[in-house]
PDB file of N, CA and C in Angstrom:
ATOM      1  N   UNK A   1      -6.243 -27.599  -4.975  1.00  0.00           N
ATOM      2  CA  UNK A   1      -4.456 -27.162  -4.768  1.00  0.00           C
ATOM      3  C   UNK A   1      -4.464 -26.047  -5.696  1.00  0.00           C
ATOM      4  N   UNK A   2      -5.241 -26.055  -6.711  1.00  0.00           N
ATOM      5  CA  UNK A   2      -5.158 -24.508  -7.396  1.00  0.00           C
ATOM      6  C   UNK A   2      -4.897 -23.359  -6.750  1.00  0.00           C
ATOM      7  N   UNK A   3      -6.816 -24.006  -6.123  1.00  0.00           N
ATOM      8  CA  UNK A   3      -6.617 -22.635  -5.049  1.00  0.00           C
ATOM      9  C   UNK A   3      -6.086 -22.106  -3.596  1.00  0.00           C
ATOM     10  N   UNK A   4      -5.245 -23.428  -3.317  1.00  0.00           N
ATOM     11  CA  UNK A   4      -3.475 -23.340  -2.388  1.00  0.00           C
ATOM     12  C   UNK A   4      -2.970 -22.162  -2.589  1.00  0.00           C
ATOM     13  N   UNK A   5      -2.819 -22.894  -3.814  1.00  0.00           N
ATOM     14  CA  UNK A   5      -1.520 -22.065  -4.623  1.00  0.00           C
ATOM     15  C   UNK A   5      -1.596 -20.171  -4.814  1.00  0.00           C
ATOM     16  N   UNK A   6      -3.090 -20.576  -5.695  1.00  0.00           N
ATOM     17  CA  UNK A   6      -3.569 -19.064  -5.162  1.00  0.00           C
ATOM     18  C   UNK A   6      -3.642 -18.225  -4.485  1.00  0.00           C
ATOM     19  N   UNK A   7      -4.012 -18.687  -2.739  1.00  0.00           N
ATOM     20  CA  UNK A   7      -4.762 -17.868  -1.901  1.00  0.00           C
ATOM     21  C   UNK A   7      -2.630 -17.528  -1.205  1.00  0.00           C
ATOM     22  N   UNK A   8      -1.579 -18.201  -1.301  1.00  0.00           N
ATOM     23  CA  UNK A   8      -0.262 -18.394  -1.012  1.00  0.00           C
ATOM     24  C   UNK A   8       0.542 -17.500  -1.791  1.00  0.00           C
ATOM     25  N   UNK A   9      -0.280 -17.119  -3.113  1.00  0.00           N
ATOM     26  CA  UNK A   9       0.271 -16.580  -4.296  1.00  0.00           C
ATOM     27  C   UNK A   9      -0.132 -15.031  -4.095  1.00  0.00           C
ATOM     28  N   UNK A  10      -0.830 -14.438  -3.901  1.00  0.00           N
ATOM     29  CA  UNK A  10      -1.882 -13.563  -3.215  1.00  0.00           C
ATOM     30  C   UNK A  10      -1.458 -13.066  -2.695  1.00  0.00           C
ATOM     31  N   UNK A  11      -0.946 -14.176  -1.060  1.00  0.00           N
ATOM     32  CA  UNK A  11      -0.797 -13.379   0.134  1.00  0.00           C
ATOM     33  C   UNK A  11       0.312 -12.974   0.159  1.00  0.00           C
ATOM     34  N   UNK A  12       1.819 -12.833  -0.685  1.00  0.00           N
ATOM     35  CA  UNK A  12       2.686 -13.333  -0.772  1.00  0.00           C
ATOM     36  C   UNK A  12       3.188 -11.309  -1.524  1.00  0.00           C
ATOM     37  N   UNK A  13       2.021 -12.008  -2.678  1.00  0.00           N
ATOM     38  CA  UNK A  13       1.850 -10.398  -3.462  1.00  0.00           C
ATOM     39  C   UNK A  13       1.446  -9.013  -2.413  1.00  0.00           C
ATOM     40  N   UNK A  14       0.580  -9.114  -1.586  1.00  0.00           N
ATOM     41  CA  UNK A  14      -0.354  -8.495  -0.610  1.00  0.00           C
ATOM     42  C   UNK A  14       0.886  -7.441   0.665  1.00  0.00           C
ATOM     43  N   UNK A  15       1.212  -9.244   1.260  1.00  0.00           N
ATOM     44  CA  UNK A  15       2.904  -9.097   1.640  1.00  0.00           C
ATOM     45  C   UNK A  15       3.405  -8.016   1.156  1.00  0.00           C
ATOM     46  N   UNK A  16       4.111  -8.484   0.623  1.00  0.00           N
ATOM     47  CA  UNK A  16       5.271  -7.357  -0.874  1.00  0.00           C
ATOM     48  C   UNK A  16       4.106  -5.448  -0.826  1.00  0.00           C
ATOM     49  N   UNK A  17       3.695  -5.329  -0.576  1.00  0.00           N
ATOM     50  CA  UNK A  17       2.559  -4.251  -0.877  1.00  0.00           C
ATOM     51  C   UNK A  17       3.063  -3.534   0.207  1.00  0.00           C
ATOM     52  N   UNK A  18       1.756  -4.390   1.182  1.00  0.00           N
ATOM     53  CA  UNK A  18       2.714  -3.366   2.171  1.00  0.00           C
ATOM     54  C   UNK A  18       3.706  -3.185   2.825  1.00  0.00           C
ATOM     55  N   UNK A  19       4.457  -4.151   3.372  1.00  0.00           N
ATOM     56  CA  UNK A  19       6.006  -3.769   3.510  1.00  0.00           C
ATOM     57  C   UNK A  19       6.950  -2.893   2.405  1.00  0.00           C
ATOM     58  N   UNK A  20       6.688  -2.830   1.502  1.00  0.00           N
ATOM     59  CA  UNK A  20       6.900  -1.529   1.027  1.00  0.00           C
ATOM     60  C   UNK A  20       6.101  -0.003   0.513  1.00  0.00           C
ATOM     61  N   UNK A  21       5.262  -0.781   0.630  1.00  0.00           N
ATOM     62  CA  UNK A  21       4.498   1.079   1.305  1.00  0.00           C
ATOM     63  C   UNK A  21       4.849   1.217   2.124  1.00  0.00           C
ATOM     64  N   UNK A  22       4.616   0.711   3.206  1.00  0.00           N
ATOM     65  CA  UNK A  22       5.505   0.885   4.984  1.00  0.00           C
ATOM     66  C   UNK A  22       6.221   1.759   4.302  1.00  0.00           C
ATOM     67  N   UNK A  23       7.203   1.103   4.143  1.00  0.00           N
ATOM     68  CA  UNK A  23       8.887   1.246   3.180  1.00  0.00           C
ATOM     69  C   UNK A  23       8.350   2.714   2.939  1.00  0.00           C
ATOM     70  N   UNK A  24       8.260   3.140   1.628  1.00  0.00           N
ATOM     71  CA  UNK A  24       8.427   4.839   1.103  1.00  0.00           C
ATOM     72  C   UNK A  24       7.219   5.219   1.514  1.00  0.00           C
ATOM     73  N   UNK A  25       6.273   5.062   2.488  1.00  0.00           N
ATOM     74  CA  UNK A  25       6.087   6.129   3.109  1.00  0.00           C
ATOM     75  C   UNK A  25       6.970   6.683   4.142  1.00  0.00           C
ATOM     76  N   UNK A  26       7.453   5.434   4.689  1.00  0.00           N
ATOM     77  CA  UNK A  26       8.416   6.287   6.000  1.00  0.00           C
ATOM     78  C   UNK A  26       8.803   6.854   5.297  1.00  0.00           C
ATOM     79  N   UNK A  27       9.540   6.096   3.992  1.00  0.00           N
ATOM     80  CA  UNK A  27      10.818   7.572   3.439  1.00  0.00           C
ATOM     81  C   UNK A  27      10.831   8.593   3.019  1.00  0.00           C
ATOM     82  N   UNK A  28       9.610   9.009   2.807  1.00  0.00           N
ATOM     83  CA  UNK A  28       8.819  10.045   2.214  1.00  0.00           C
ATOM     84  C   UNK A  28       8.165  11.698   4.155  1.00  0.00           C
ATOM     85  N   UNK A  29       7.998  10.349   4.467  1.00  0.00           N
ATOM     86  CA  UNK A  29       7.752  11.235   5.481  1.00  0.00           C
ATOM     87  C   UNK A  29       8.836  11.696   6.665  1.00  0.00           C
ATOM     88  N   UNK A  30      10.421  11.342   6.405  1.00  0.00           N
ATOM     89  CA  UNK A  30      11.532  11.260   7.323  1.00  0.00           C
ATOM     90  C   UNK A  30      12.224  12.403   5.993  1.00  0.00           C
ATOM     91  N   UNK A  31      12.117  12.315   4.319  1.00  0.00           N
ATOM     92  CA  UNK A  31      12.360  13.957   3.781  1.00  0.00           C
ATOM     93  C   UNK A  31      12.173  14.479   3.770  1.00  0.00           C
ATOM     94  N   UNK A  32      11.309  14.487   4.345  1.00  0.00           N
ATOM     95  CA  UNK A  32      10.487  16.121   3.753  1.00  0.00           C
ATOM     96  C   UNK A  32       9.920  16.438   5.060  1.00  0.00           C
ATOM     97  N   UNK A  33      10.705  15.859   5.942  1.00  0.00           N
ATOM     98  CA  UNK A  33      10.005  16.201   7.903  1.00  0.00           C
ATOM     99  C   UNK A  33       8.847  16.243   8.218  1.00  0.00           C
ATOM    100  N   UNK A  34       8.358  15.425   7.638  1.00  0.00           N
ATOM    101  CA  UNK A  34       7.154  15.360   8.369  1.00  0.00           C
ATOM    102  C   UNK A  34       5.902  15.260   9.407  1.00  0.00           C
ATOM    103  N   UNK A  35       6.858  14.197  10.110  1.00  0.00           N
ATOM    104  CA  UNK A  35       6.746  13.397  11.458  1.00  0.00           C
ATOM    105  C   UNK A  35       6.611  14.669  12.191  1.00  0.00           C
ATOM    106  N   UNK A  36       4.397  14.774  13.068  1.00  0.00           N
ATOM    107  CA  UNK A  36       4.924  15.938  13.805  1.00  0.00           C
ATOM    108  C   UNK A  36       3.649  16.512  13.033  1.00  0.00           C
ATOM    109  N   UNK A  37       3.272  16.087  11.965  1.00  0.00           N
ATOM    110  CA  UNK A  37       2.982  17.816  10.919  1.00  0.00           C
ATOM    111  C   UNK A  37       1.510  17.109  10.259  1.00  0.00           C
ATOM    112  N   UNK A  38       0.455  17.153  11.361  1.00  0.00           N
ATOM    113  CA  UNK A  38      -0.602  16.826  10.723  1.00  0.00           C
ATOM    114  C   UNK A  38      -1.583  15.172  10.287  1.00  0.00           C
ATOM    115  N   UNK A  39      -1.490  15.442   8.817  1.00  0.00           N
ATOM    116  CA  UNK A  39      -2.125  13.754   8.572  1.00  0.00           C
ATOM    117  C   UNK A  39      -1.184  13.568   6.856  1.00  0.00           C
ATOM    118  N   UNK A  40      -1.104  12.435   6.347  1.00  0.00           N
ATOM    119  CA  UNK A  40      -0.634  12.438   5.646  1.00  0.00           C
ATOM    120  C   UNK A  40      -1.709  11.956   4.955  1.00  0.00           C
ATOM    121  N   UNK A  41      -2.492  12.762   3.912  1.00  0.00           N
ATOM    122  CA  UNK A  41      -3.242  12.199   2.708  1.00  0.00           C
ATOM    123  C   UNK A  41      -2.673  11.274   2.218  1.00  0.00           C
ATOM    124  N   UNK A  42      -3.493   9.690   1.226  1.00  0.00           N
ATOM    125  CA  UNK A  42      -2.549   8.529   0.954  1.00  0.00           C
ATOM    126  C   UNK A  42      -3.656   8.569  -0.122  1.00  0.00           C
ATOM    127  N   UNK A  43      -3.392   7.442  -1.125  1.00  0.00           N
ATOM    128  CA  UNK A  43      -4.524   6.634  -2.302  1.00  0.00           C
ATOM    129  C   UNK A  43      -3.657   5.572  -2.578  1.00  0.00           C
ATOM    130  N   UNK A  44      -3.919   4.731  -2.685  1.00  0.00           N
ATOM    131  CA  UNK A  44      -4.041   3.597  -3.288  1.00  0.00           C
ATOM    132  C   UNK A  44      -4.910   3.297  -4.034  1.00  0.00           C
ATOM    133  N   UNK A  45      -4.387   2.510  -5.297  1.00  0.00           N
ATOM    134  CA  UNK A  45      -4.471   2.522  -6.269  1.00  0.00           C
ATOM    135  C   UNK A  45      -4.339   0.770  -7.093  1.00  0.00           C
ATOM    136  N   UNK A  46      -4.537   0.271  -6.718  1.00  0.00           N
ATOM    137  CA  UNK A  46      -4.707  -1.478  -7.484  1.00  0.00           C
ATOM    138  C   UNK A  46      -5.290  -1.939  -9.074  1.00  0.00           C
ATOM    139  N   UNK A  47      -4.575  -2.514  -9.856  1.00  0.00           N
ATOM    140  CA  UNK A  47      -5.196  -2.787 -10.885  1.00  0.00           C
ATOM    141  C   UNK A  47      -4.655  -3.643 -11.487  1.00  0.00           C
ATOM    142  N   UNK A  48      -4.818  -4.803 -12.442  1.00  0.00           N
ATOM    143  CA  UNK A  48      -5.028  -5.940 -12.728  1.00  0.00           C
ATOM    144  C   UNK A  48      -4.767  -6.156 -14.252  1.00  0.00           C
ATOM    145  N   UNK A  49      -3.855  -5.916 -15.151  1.00  0.00           N
ATOM    146  CA  UNK A  49      -2.931  -5.770 -16.227  1.00  0.00           C
ATOM    147  C   UNK A  49      -3.943  -6.924 -16.990  1.00  0.00           C
ATOM    148  N   UNK A  50      -4.762  -6.525 -18.171  1.00  0.00           N
ATOM    149  CA  UNK A  50      -5.391  -7.363 -19.169  1.00  0.00           C
ATOM    150  C   UNK A  50      -7.317  -7.652 -18.260  1.00  0.00           C
ATOM    151  N   UNK A  51      -7.355  -6.824 -17.599  1.00  0.00           N
ATOM    152  CA  UNK A  51      -8.929  -6.877 -16.192  1.00  0.00           C
ATOM    153  C   UNK A  51      -9.452  -5.441 -16.353  1.00  0.00           C
ATOM    154  N   UNK A  52     -10.742  -5.189 -15.718  1.00  0.00           N
ATOM    155  CA  UNK A  52     -11.069  -3.948 -15.762  1.00  0.00           C
ATOM    156  C   UNK A  52     -11.500  -3.772 -14.642  1.00  0.00           C
ATOM    157  N   UNK A  53     -10.293  -4.248 -13.685  1.00  0.00           N
ATOM    158  CA  UNK A  53      -9.549  -3.909 -11.657  1.00  0.00           C
ATOM    159  C   UNK A  53      -9.296  -2.664 -11.936  1.00  0.00           C
ATOM    160  N   UNK A  54     -10.050  -2.409 -10.916  1.00  0.00           N
ATOM    161  CA  UNK A  54      -9.542  -0.623 -10.395  1.00  0.00           C
ATOM    162  C   UNK A  54     -10.221  -0.713  -9.513  1.00  0.00           C
ATOM    163  N   UNK A  55      -9.338  -1.045  -8.094  1.00  0.00           N
ATOM    164  CA  UNK A  55     -10.108  -0.689  -7.031  1.00  0.00           C
ATOM    165  C   UNK A  55      -9.282   0.522  -5.864  1.00  0.00           C
ATOM    166  N   UNK A  56      -9.804   1.482  -5.815  1.00  0.00           N
ATOM    167  CA  UNK A  56      -9.018   2.551  -5.173  1.00  0.00           C
ATOM    168  C   UNK A  56      -9.062   2.844  -3.124  1.00  0.00           C
ATOM    169  N   UNK A  57      -8.086   2.657  -2.228  1.00  0.00           N
ATOM    170  CA  UNK A  57      -8.447   2.924  -1.185  1.00  0.00           C
ATOM    171  C   UNK A  57      -7.471   4.523  -0.587  1.00  0.00           C
ATOM    172  N   UNK A  58      -8.599   5.498   0.042  1.00  0.00           N
ATOM    173  CA  UNK A  58      -8.083   6.638   0.254  1.00  0.00           C
ATOM    174  C   UNK A  58      -8.224   6.466   1.541  1.00  0.00           C
ATOM    175  N   UNK A  59      -7.610   7.683   2.362  1.00  0.00           N
ATOM    176  CA  UNK A  59      -7.229   7.212   3.575  1.00  0.00           C
ATOM    177  C   UNK A  59      -6.180   8.871   3.725  1.00  0.00           C
ATOM    178  N   UNK A  60      -5.886   8.514   5.355  1.00  0.00           N
ATOM    179  CA  UNK A  60      -5.578   9.860   6.240  1.00  0.00           C
ATOM    180  C   UNK A  60      -4.430   9.033   6.956  1.00  0.00           C
ATOM    181  N   UNK A  61      -3.273   8.912   6.820  1.00  0.00           N
ATOM    182  CA  UNK A  61      -1.925   9.014   8.336  1.00  0.00           C
ATOM    183  C   UNK A  61      -1.954   9.770   9.003  1.00  0.00           C
ATOM    184  N   UNK A  62      -1.998   9.663  10.238  1.00  0.00           N
ATOM    185  CA  UNK A  62      -2.130  10.804  11.742  1.00  0.00           C
ATOM    186  C   UNK A  62      -0.026  10.379  11.816  1.00  0.00           C
ATOM    187  N   UNK A  63      -0.250  12.520  11.180  1.00  0.00           N
ATOM    188  CA  UNK A  63       1.786  12.215  11.187  1.00  0.00           C
ATOM    189  C   UNK A  63       2.582  12.187  12.848  1.00  0.00           C
ATOM    190  N   UNK A  64       1.110  12.537  14.004  1.00  0.00           N
ATOM    191  CA  UNK A  64       1.552  12.449  15.608  1.00  0.00           C
ATOM    192  C   UNK A  64       1.667  13.964  15.743  1.00  0.00           C
TER     193      UNK A  64
END
């Protein structure tokens, strides 16, 4: 049961991260009129309080 609870909680967190991140990227592209102008370089950093977790993902988003 604990494993199921963990998995559900983790998925809920990741869904929130994904949705809120997409909204923020869309907002910045809109506010800075970046659509159609190459790529937007992005980086996401994941940390967990009280641990040595430091996971970074970098990439580029094609702005069309």
